[in-house]
PDB file of N, CA and C in Angstrom:
ATOM      1  N   MET A   1      39.124  -1.592  15.055  1.00  0.00           N
ATOM      2  CA  MET A   1      37.705  -1.454  15.298  1.00  0.00           C
ATOM      3  C   MET A   1      37.052  -0.827  14.064  1.00  0.00           C
ATOM      4  N   THR A   2      35.962  -1.424  13.616  1.00  0.00           N
ATOM      5  CA  THR A   2      35.258  -0.891  12.458  1.00  0.00           C
ATOM      6  C   THR A   2      33.985  -0.192  12.917  1.00  0.00           C
ATOM      7  N   LYS A   3      33.677   0.878  12.227  1.00  0.00           N
ATOM      8  CA  LYS A   3      32.456   1.605  12.521  1.00  0.00           C
ATOM      9  C   LYS A   3      31.418   1.316  11.449  1.00  0.00           C
ATOM     10  N   THR A   4      30.217   1.151  11.869  1.00  0.00           N
ATOM     11  CA  THR A   4      29.117   0.998  10.926  1.00  0.00           C
ATOM     12  C   THR A   4      28.363   2.315  10.881  1.00  0.00           C
ATOM     13  N   ILE A   5      28.333   2.911   9.716  1.00  0.00           N
ATOM     14  CA  ILE A   5      27.636   4.175   9.550  1.00  0.00           C
ATOM     15  C   ILE A   5      26.371   3.901   8.748  1.00  0.00           C
ATOM     16  N   LEU A   6      25.254   4.253   9.327  1.00  0.00           N
ATOM     17  CA  LEU A   6      23.980   4.074   8.642  1.00  0.00           C
ATOM     18  C   LEU A   6      23.633   5.360   7.908  1.00  0.00           C
ATOM     19  N   MET A   7      23.350   5.217   6.649  1.00  0.00           N
ATOM     20  CA  MET A   7      22.924   6.355   5.844  1.00  0.00           C
ATOM     21  C   MET A   7      21.418   6.539   6.015  1.00  0.00           C
ATOM     22  N   ILE A   8      20.910   7.656   5.537  1.00  0.00           N
ATOM     23  CA  ILE A   8      19.474   7.904   5.617  1.00  0.00           C
ATOM     24  C   ILE A   8      18.758   6.821   4.823  1.00  0.00           C
ATOM     25  N   GLY A   9      17.786   6.194   5.426  1.00  0.00           N
ATOM     26  CA  GLY A   9      17.026   5.148   4.763  1.00  0.00           C
ATOM     27  C   GLY A   9      17.566   3.754   5.032  1.00  0.00           C
ATOM     28  N   GLU A  10      18.754   3.651   5.618  1.00  0.00           N
ATOM     29  CA  GLU A  10      19.320   2.337   5.944  1.00  0.00           C
ATOM     30  C   GLU A  10      18.959   1.970   7.366  1.00  0.00           C
ATOM     31  N   SER A  11      18.958   0.696   7.635  1.00  0.00           N
ATOM     32  CA  SER A  11      18.627   0.220   8.967  1.00  0.00           C
ATOM     33  C   SER A  11      19.282  -1.124   9.191  1.00  0.00           C
ATOM     34  N   THR A  12      19.462  -1.464  10.457  1.00  0.00           N
ATOM     35  CA  THR A  12      20.040  -2.764  10.766  1.00  0.00           C
ATOM     36  C   THR A  12      19.016  -3.883  10.639  1.00  0.00           C
ATOM     37  N   ASN A  13      17.750  -3.545  10.658  1.00  0.00           N
ATOM     38  CA  ASN A  13      16.701  -4.556  10.515  1.00  0.00           C
ATOM     39  C   ASN A  13      15.995  -4.395   9.169  1.00  0.00           C
ATOM     40  N   ALA A  14      16.762  -4.307   8.111  1.00  0.00           N
ATOM     41  CA  ALA A  14      16.225  -4.079   6.769  1.00  0.00           C
ATOM     42  C   ALA A  14      15.249  -5.169   6.313  1.00  0.00           C
ATOM     43  N   PRO A  15      15.491  -6.466   6.586  1.00  0.00           N
ATOM     44  CA  PRO A  15      14.516  -7.467   6.121  1.00  0.00           C
ATOM     45  C   PRO A  15      13.114  -7.259   6.701  1.00  0.00           C
ATOM     46  N   ALA A  16      13.022  -6.871   7.960  1.00  0.00           N
ATOM     47  CA  ALA A  16      11.711  -6.639   8.569  1.00  0.00           C
ATOM     48  C   ALA A  16      11.021  -5.445   7.928  1.00  0.00           C
ATOM     49  N   ILE A  17      11.768  -4.405   7.658  1.00  0.00           N
ATOM     50  CA  ILE A  17      11.199  -3.222   7.020  1.00  0.00           C
ATOM     51  C   ILE A  17      10.740  -3.561   5.607  1.00  0.00           C
ATOM     52  N   HIS A  18      11.524  -4.369   4.910  1.00  0.00           N
ATOM     53  CA  HIS A  18      11.163  -4.767   3.545  1.00  0.00           C
ATOM     54  C   HIS A  18       9.855  -5.555   3.534  1.00  0.00           C
ATOM     55  N   VAL A  19       9.709  -6.476   4.449  1.00  0.00           N
ATOM     56  CA  VAL A  19       8.483  -7.282   4.520  1.00  0.00           C
ATOM     57  C   VAL A  19       7.284  -6.392   4.870  1.00  0.00           C
ATOM     58  N   LEU A  20       7.464  -5.472   5.809  1.00  0.00           N
ATOM     59  CA  LEU A  20       6.367  -4.585   6.182  1.00  0.00           C
ATOM     60  C   LEU A  20       5.974  -3.657   5.038  1.00  0.00           C
ATOM     61  N   SER A  21       6.949  -3.212   4.260  1.00  0.00           N
ATOM     62  CA  SER A  21       6.618  -2.330   3.141  1.00  0.00           C
ATOM     63  C   SER A  21       5.827  -3.081   2.065  1.00  0.00           C
ATOM     64  N   LEU A  22       6.076  -4.381   1.927  1.00  0.00           N
ATOM     65  CA  LEU A  22       5.329  -5.181   0.962  1.00  0.00           C
ATOM     66  C   LEU A  22       3.926  -5.534   1.467  1.00  0.00           C
ATOM     67  N   ALA A  23       3.709  -5.448   2.764  1.00  0.00           N
ATOM     68  CA  ALA A  23       2.417  -5.834   3.342  1.00  0.00           C
ATOM     69  C   ALA A  23       1.346  -4.766   3.186  1.00  0.00           C
ATOM     70  N   ALA A  24       1.720  -3.499   3.026  1.00  0.00           N
ATOM     71  CA  ALA A  24       0.739  -2.412   3.035  1.00  0.00           C
ATOM     72  C   ALA A  24      -0.228  -2.477   1.853  1.00  0.00           C
ATOM     73  N   SER A  25       0.283  -2.593   0.652  1.00  0.00           N
ATOM     74  CA  SER A  25      -0.566  -2.528  -0.535  1.00  0.00           C
ATOM     75  C   SER A  25      -1.592  -3.661  -0.589  1.00  0.00           C
ATOM     76  N   PRO A  26      -1.195  -4.926  -0.390  1.00  0.00           N
ATOM     77  CA  PRO A  26      -2.214  -5.986  -0.402  1.00  0.00           C
ATOM     78  C   PRO A  26      -3.227  -5.851   0.739  1.00  0.00           C
ATOM     79  N   THR A  27      -2.781  -5.339   1.881  1.00  0.00           N
ATOM     80  CA  THR A  27      -3.699  -5.157   3.004  1.00  0.00           C
ATOM     81  C   THR A  27      -4.787  -4.158   2.646  1.00  0.00           C
ATOM     82  N   PHE A  28      -4.399  -3.025   2.045  1.00  0.00           N
ATOM     83  CA  PHE A  28      -5.394  -2.030   1.651  1.00  0.00           C
ATOM     84  C   PHE A  28      -6.287  -2.551   0.534  1.00  0.00           C
ATOM     85  N   ALA A  29      -5.746  -3.350  -0.370  1.00  0.00           N
ATOM     86  CA  ALA A  29      -6.567  -3.915  -1.450  1.00  0.00           C
ATOM     87  C   ALA A  29      -7.610  -4.871  -0.876  1.00  0.00           C
ATOM     88  N   ILE A  30      -7.212  -5.684   0.072  1.00  0.00           N
ATOM     89  CA  ILE A  30      -8.153  -6.608   0.722  1.00  0.00           C
ATOM     90  C   ILE A  30      -9.216  -5.825   1.482  1.00  0.00           C
ATOM     91  N   MET A  31      -8.804  -4.744   2.167  1.00  0.00           N
ATOM     92  CA  MET A  31      -9.769  -3.928   2.898  1.00  0.00           C
ATOM     93  C   MET A  31     -10.773  -3.293   1.937  1.00  0.00           C
ATOM     94  N   ALA A  32     -10.308  -2.870   0.753  1.00  0.00           N
ATOM     95  CA  ALA A  32     -11.226  -2.295  -0.247  1.00  0.00           C
ATOM     96  C   ALA A  32     -12.221  -3.339  -0.729  1.00  0.00           C
ATOM     97  N   LEU A  33     -11.728  -4.550  -1.007  1.00  0.00           N
ATOM     98  CA  LEU A  33     -12.625  -5.619  -1.462  1.00  0.00           C
ATOM     99  C   LEU A  33     -13.647  -5.994  -0.393  1.00  0.00           C
ATOM    100  N   LEU A  34     -13.193  -6.125   0.845  1.00  0.00           N
ATOM    101  CA  LEU A  34     -14.112  -6.476   1.923  1.00  0.00           C
ATOM    102  C   LEU A  34     -15.131  -5.369   2.174  1.00  0.00           C
ATOM    103  N   THR A  35     -14.672  -4.131   2.132  1.00  0.00           N
ATOM    104  CA  THR A  35     -15.589  -3.015   2.344  1.00  0.00           C
ATOM    105  C   THR A  35     -16.619  -2.960   1.231  1.00  0.00           C
ATOM    106  N   SER A  36     -16.188  -3.232   0.005  1.00  0.00           N
ATOM    107  CA  SER A  36     -17.110  -3.227  -1.127  1.00  0.00           C
ATOM    108  C   SER A  36     -18.124  -4.363  -1.017  1.00  0.00           C
ATOM    109  N   ALA A  37     -17.648  -5.547  -0.638  1.00  0.00           N
ATOM    110  CA  ALA A  37     -18.524  -6.717  -0.575  1.00  0.00           C
ATOM    111  C   ALA A  37     -19.487  -6.661   0.607  1.00  0.00           C
ATOM    112  N   LEU A  38     -19.032  -6.107   1.721  1.00  0.00           N
ATOM    113  CA  LEU A  38     -19.843  -6.118   2.936  1.00  0.00           C
ATOM    114  C   LEU A  38     -20.543  -4.791   3.206  1.00  0.00           C
ATOM    115  N   SER A  39     -20.399  -3.830   2.302  1.00  0.00           N
ATOM    116  CA  SER A  39     -20.964  -2.501   2.518  1.00  0.00           C
ATOM    117  C   SER A  39     -22.482  -2.541   2.400  1.00  0.00           C
ATOM    118  N   ALA A  40     -23.145  -1.986   3.419  1.00  0.00           N
ATOM    119  CA  ALA A  40     -24.603  -1.909   3.404  1.00  0.00           C
ATOM    120  C   ALA A  40     -25.085  -0.549   2.935  1.00  0.00           C
ATOM    121  N   GLY A  41     -24.202   0.433   2.911  1.00  0.00           N
ATOM    122  CA  GLY A  41     -24.574   1.753   2.422  1.00  0.00           C
ATOM    123  C   GLY A  41     -24.577   2.833   3.484  1.00  0.00           C
ATOM    124  N   PRO A  42     -25.505   2.798   4.459  1.00  0.00           N
ATOM    125  CA  PRO A  42     -25.599   3.896   5.415  1.00  0.00           C
ATOM    126  C   PRO A  42     -24.326   4.215   6.196  1.00  0.00           C
ATOM    127  N   PRO A  43     -23.496   3.254   6.614  1.00  0.00           N
ATOM    128  CA  PRO A  43     -22.279   3.637   7.335  1.00  0.00           C
ATOM    129  C   PRO A  43     -21.327   4.486   6.501  1.00  0.00           C
ATOM    130  N   ASP A  44     -21.352   4.349   5.171  1.00  0.00           N
ATOM    131  CA  ASP A  44     -20.495   5.164   4.329  1.00  0.00           C
ATOM    132  C   ASP A  44     -20.889   6.634   4.394  1.00  0.00           C
ATOM    133  N   MET A  45     -22.131   6.905   4.750  1.00  0.00           N
ATOM    134  CA  MET A  45     -22.581   8.287   4.829  1.00  0.00           C
ATOM    135  C   MET A  45     -21.900   9.019   5.975  1.00  0.00           C
ATOM    136  N   LEU A  46     -21.406   8.313   6.977  1.00  0.00           N
ATOM    137  CA  LEU A  46     -20.700   8.947   8.081  1.00  0.00           C
ATOM    138  C   LEU A  46     -19.388   9.569   7.621  1.00  0.00           C
ATOM    139  N   CYS A  47     -18.793   9.010   6.592  1.00  0.00           N
ATOM    140  CA  CYS A  47     -17.504   9.494   6.109  1.00  0.00           C
ATOM    141  C   CYS A  47     -17.648  10.638   5.115  1.00  0.00           C
ATOM    142  N   SER A  48     -18.802  10.857   4.598  1.00  0.00           N
ATOM    143  CA  SER A  48     -19.039  11.904   3.615  1.00  0.00           C
ATOM    144  C   SER A  48     -20.131  12.841   4.120  1.00  0.00           C
ATOM    145  N   PRO A  49     -19.832  14.145   4.243  1.00  0.00           N
ATOM    146  CA  PRO A  49     -20.847  15.055   4.773  1.00  0.00           C
ATOM    147  C   PRO A  49     -22.038  15.252   3.839  1.00  0.00           C
ATOM    148  N   THR A  50     -21.817  15.166   2.533  1.00  0.00           N
ATOM    149  CA  THR A  50     -22.938  15.297   1.595  1.00  0.00           C
ATOM    150  C   THR A  50     -23.004  14.058   0.729  1.00  0.00           C
ATOM    151  N   LEU A  51     -24.175  13.665   0.403  1.00  0.00           N
ATOM    152  CA  LEU A  51     -24.377  12.461  -0.394  1.00  0.00           C
ATOM    153  C   LEU A  51     -24.008  12.725  -1.851  1.00  0.00           C
ATOM    154  N   HIS A  52     -23.127  11.918  -2.397  1.00  0.00           N
ATOM    155  CA  HIS A  52     -22.688  11.991  -3.790  1.00  0.00           C
ATOM    156  C   HIS A  52     -22.100  13.347  -4.170  1.00  0.00           C
ATOM    157  N   ALA A  53     -21.309  13.931  -3.271  1.00  0.00           N
ATOM    158  CA  ALA A  53     -20.688  15.221  -3.556  1.00  0.00           C
ATOM    159  C   ALA A  53     -19.530  15.061  -4.526  1.00  0.00           C
ATOM    160  N   SER A  54     -18.882  13.920  -4.496  1.00  0.00           N
ATOM    161  CA  SER A  54     -17.722  13.686  -5.345  1.00  0.00           C
ATOM    162  C   SER A  54     -17.740  12.236  -5.813  1.00  0.00           C
ATOM    163  N   PRO A  55     -17.248  11.981  -7.035  1.00  0.00           N
ATOM    164  CA  PRO A  55     -17.163  10.579  -7.453  1.00  0.00           C
ATOM    165  C   PRO A  55     -16.090   9.815  -6.671  1.00  0.00           C
ATOM    166  N   LEU A  56     -15.207  10.541  -5.992  1.00  0.00           N
ATOM    167  CA  LEU A  56     -14.154   9.900  -5.205  1.00  0.00           C
ATOM    168  C   LEU A  56     -14.488   9.935  -3.718  1.00  0.00           C
ATOM    169  N   ASP A  57     -15.676   9.516  -3.366  1.00  0.00           N
ATOM    170  CA  ASP A  57     -16.020   9.456  -1.955  1.00  0.00           C
ATOM    171  C   ASP A  57     -16.200   8.009  -1.532  1.00  0.00           C
ATOM    172  N   GLY A  58     -16.188   7.790  -0.263  1.00  0.00           N
ATOM    173  CA  GLY A  58     -16.420   6.451   0.264  1.00  0.00           C
ATOM    174  C   GLY A  58     -15.144   5.729   0.637  1.00  0.00           C
ATOM    175  N   MET A  59     -15.319   4.737   1.448  1.00  0.00           N
ATOM    176  CA  MET A  59     -14.191   3.980   1.986  1.00  0.00           C
ATOM    177  C   MET A  59     -13.531   3.092   0.938  1.00  0.00           C
ATOM    178  N   VAL A  60     -14.284   2.551  -0.009  1.00  0.00           N
ATOM    179  CA  VAL A  60     -13.707   1.674  -1.030  1.00  0.00           C
ATOM    180  C   VAL A  60     -12.700   2.438  -1.870  1.00  0.00           C
ATOM    181  N   VAL A  61     -13.057   3.643  -2.269  1.00  0.00           N
ATOM    182  CA  VAL A  61     -12.141   4.456  -3.068  1.00  0.00           C
ATOM    183  C   VAL A  61     -10.917   4.839  -2.243  1.00  0.00           C
ATOM    184  N   MET A  62     -11.113   5.179  -0.975  1.00  0.00           N
ATOM    185  CA  MET A  62      -9.993   5.541  -0.114  1.00  0.00           C
ATOM    186  C   MET A  62      -9.006   4.372   0.016  1.00  0.00           C
ATOM    187  N   TYR A  63      -9.516   3.176   0.290  1.00  0.00           N
ATOM    188  CA  TYR A  63      -8.634   2.019   0.421  1.00  0.00           C
ATOM    189  C   TYR A  63      -7.953   1.678  -0.910  1.00  0.00           C
ATOM    190  N   SER A  64      -8.655   1.854  -2.018  1.00  0.00           N
ATOM    191  CA  SER A  64      -8.055   1.593  -3.328  1.00  0.00           C
ATOM    192  C   SER A  64      -6.922   2.575  -3.616  1.00  0.00           C
ATOM    193  N   LEU A  65      -7.142   3.837  -3.311  1.00  0.00           N
ATOM    194  CA  LEU A  65      -6.082   4.826  -3.499  1.00  0.00           C
ATOM    195  C   LEU A  65      -4.894   4.564  -2.582  1.00  0.00           C
ATOM    196  N   MET A  66      -5.162   4.190  -1.348  1.00  0.00           N
ATOM    197  CA  MET A  66      -4.070   3.883  -0.423  1.00  0.00           C
ATOM    198  C   MET A  66      -3.278   2.677  -0.916  1.00  0.00           C
ATOM    199  N   SER A  67      -3.954   1.697  -1.474  1.00  0.00           N
ATOM    200  CA  SER A  67      -3.272   0.539  -2.041  1.00  0.00           C
ATOM    201  C   SER A  67      -2.386   0.956  -3.214  1.00  0.00           C
ATOM    202  N   ALA A  68      -2.901   1.832  -4.065  1.00  0.00           N
ATOM    203  CA  ALA A  68      -2.116   2.303  -5.211  1.00  0.00           C
ATOM    204  C   ALA A  68      -0.910   3.118  -4.756  1.00  0.00           C
ATOM    205  N   PHE A  69      -1.097   3.984  -3.759  1.00  0.00           N
ATOM    206  CA  PHE A  69       0.004   4.811  -3.286  1.00  0.00           C
ATOM    207  C   PHE A  69       1.092   3.993  -2.590  1.00  0.00           C
ATOM    208  N   HIS A  70       0.730   2.865  -2.012  1.00  0.00           N
ATOM    209  CA  HIS A  70       1.703   2.022  -1.319  1.00  0.00           C
ATOM    210  C   HIS A  70       2.227   0.884  -2.200  1.00  0.00           C
ATOM    211  N   SER A  71       2.011   0.955  -3.494  1.00  0.00           N
ATOM    212  CA  SER A  71       2.457  -0.117  -4.385  1.00  0.00           C
ATOM    213  C   SER A  71       3.915   0.029  -4.843  1.00  0.00           C
ATOM    214  N   ALA A  72       4.594   1.105  -4.487  1.00  0.00           N
ATOM    215  CA  ALA A  72       5.980   1.326  -4.925  1.00  0.00           C
ATOM    216  C   ALA A  72       6.926   0.183  -4.559  1.00  0.00           C
ATOM    217  N   PRO A  73       6.888  -0.383  -3.344  1.00  0.00           N
ATOM    218  CA  PRO A  73       7.787  -1.504  -3.042  1.00  0.00           C
ATOM    219  C   PRO A  73       7.555  -2.708  -3.958  1.00  0.00           C
ATOM    220  N   TRP A  74       6.288  -2.974  -4.313  1.00  0.00           N
ATOM    221  CA  TRP A  74       5.997  -4.085  -5.223  1.00  0.00           C
ATOM    222  C   TRP A  74       6.542  -3.798  -6.612  1.00  0.00           C
ATOM    223  N   LEU A  75       6.403  -2.563  -7.075  1.00  0.00           N
ATOM    224  CA  LEU A  75       6.919  -2.199  -8.397  1.00  0.00           C
ATOM    225  C   LEU A  75       8.441  -2.305  -8.440  1.00  0.00           C
ATOM    226  N   LYS A  76       9.105  -1.909  -7.341  1.00  0.00           N
ATOM    227  CA  LYS A  76      10.565  -2.044  -7.259  1.00  0.00           C
ATOM    228  C   LYS A  76      10.972  -3.512  -7.275  1.00  0.00           C
ATOM    229  N   LEU A  77      10.233  -4.350  -6.551  1.00  0.00           N
ATOM    230  CA  LEU A  77      10.533  -5.777  -6.506  1.00  0.00           C
ATOM    231  C   LEU A  77      10.370  -6.407  -7.883  1.00  0.00           C
ATOM    232  N   ILE A  78       9.289  -6.093  -8.555  1.00  0.00           N
ATOM    233  CA  ILE A  78       9.055  -6.642  -9.900  1.00  0.00           C
ATOM    234  C   ILE A  78      10.131  -6.163 -10.860  1.00  0.00           C
ATOM    235  N   SER A  79      10.487  -4.892 -10.776  1.00  0.00           N
ATOM    236  CA  SER A  79      11.511  -4.333 -11.657  1.00  0.00           C
ATOM    237  C   SER A  79      12.872  -4.977 -11.415  1.00  0.00           C
ATOM    238  N   SER A  80      13.227  -5.188 -10.164  1.00  0.00           N
ATOM    239  CA  SER A  80      14.524  -5.802  -9.865  1.00  0.00           C
ATOM    240  C   SER A  80      14.578  -7.257 -10.322  1.00  0.00           C
ATOM    241  N   ARG A  81      13.474  -7.963 -10.220  1.00  0.00           N
ATOM    242  CA  ARG A  81      13.447  -9.358 -10.686  1.00  0.00           C
ATOM    243  C   ARG A  81      13.534  -9.424 -12.214  1.00  0.00           C
ATOM    244  N   ARG A  82      12.876  -8.508 -12.901  1.00  0.00           N
ATOM    245  CA  ARG A  82      12.965  -8.472 -14.366  1.00  0.00           C
ATOM    246  C   ARG A  82      14.384  -8.166 -14.811  1.00  0.00           C
ATOM    247  N   ASN A  83      15.020  -7.222 -14.124  1.00  0.00           N
ATOM    248  CA  ASN A  83      16.393  -6.874 -14.474  1.00  0.00           C
ATOM    249  C   ASN A  83      17.341  -8.040 -14.212  1.00  0.00           C
ATOM    250  N   ALA A  84      17.089  -8.798 -13.150  1.00  0.00           N
ATOM    251  CA  ALA A  84      17.936  -9.950 -12.832  1.00  0.00           C
ATOM    252  C   ALA A  84      17.786 -11.038 -13.888  1.00  0.00           C
ATOM    253  N   VAL A  85      16.571 -11.233 -14.389  1.00  0.00           N
ATOM    254  CA  VAL A  85      16.332 -12.240 -15.431  1.00  0.00           C
ATOM    255  C   VAL A  85      17.011 -11.822 -16.735  1.00  0.00           C
ATOM    256  N   ARG A  86      16.948 -10.552 -17.060  1.00  0.00           N
ATOM    257  CA  ARG A  86      17.563 -10.069 -18.292  1.00  0.00           C
ATOM    258  C   ARG A  86      19.078 -10.185 -18.268  1.00  0.00           C
ATOM    259  N   ARG A  87      19.678 -10.009 -17.086  1.00  0.00           N
ATOM    260  CA  ARG A  87      21.140 -10.118 -16.943  1.00  0.00           C
ATOM    261  C   ARG A  87      21.612 -11.554 -17.025  1.00  0.00           C
ATOM    262  N   ALA A  88      20.759 -12.484 -16.631  1.00  0.00           N
ATOM    263  CA  ALA A  88      21.166 -13.896 -16.596  1.00  0.00           C
ATOM    264  C   ALA A  88      21.197 -14.542 -17.955  1.00  0.00           C
TER     265      ALA A  88
END
């Protein structure tokens, strides 16, 4: 009988987790673009208590930052593909 030991970060459904990790960054980027294109102005004031208190206010900036913070899986994928091409 063989035992399967899962280490921290491992899972039996790794392909699903991999696909979901790749979905976050483009989703936030699309949300930033849509929010920017469809923004009328006044609803953004609900998210900020003072008008123009910081250059990093508003939903577009928030979605852009979230997209950047969730880009690590894409960077790993690009890096692994570059390394595979160099080895070949």
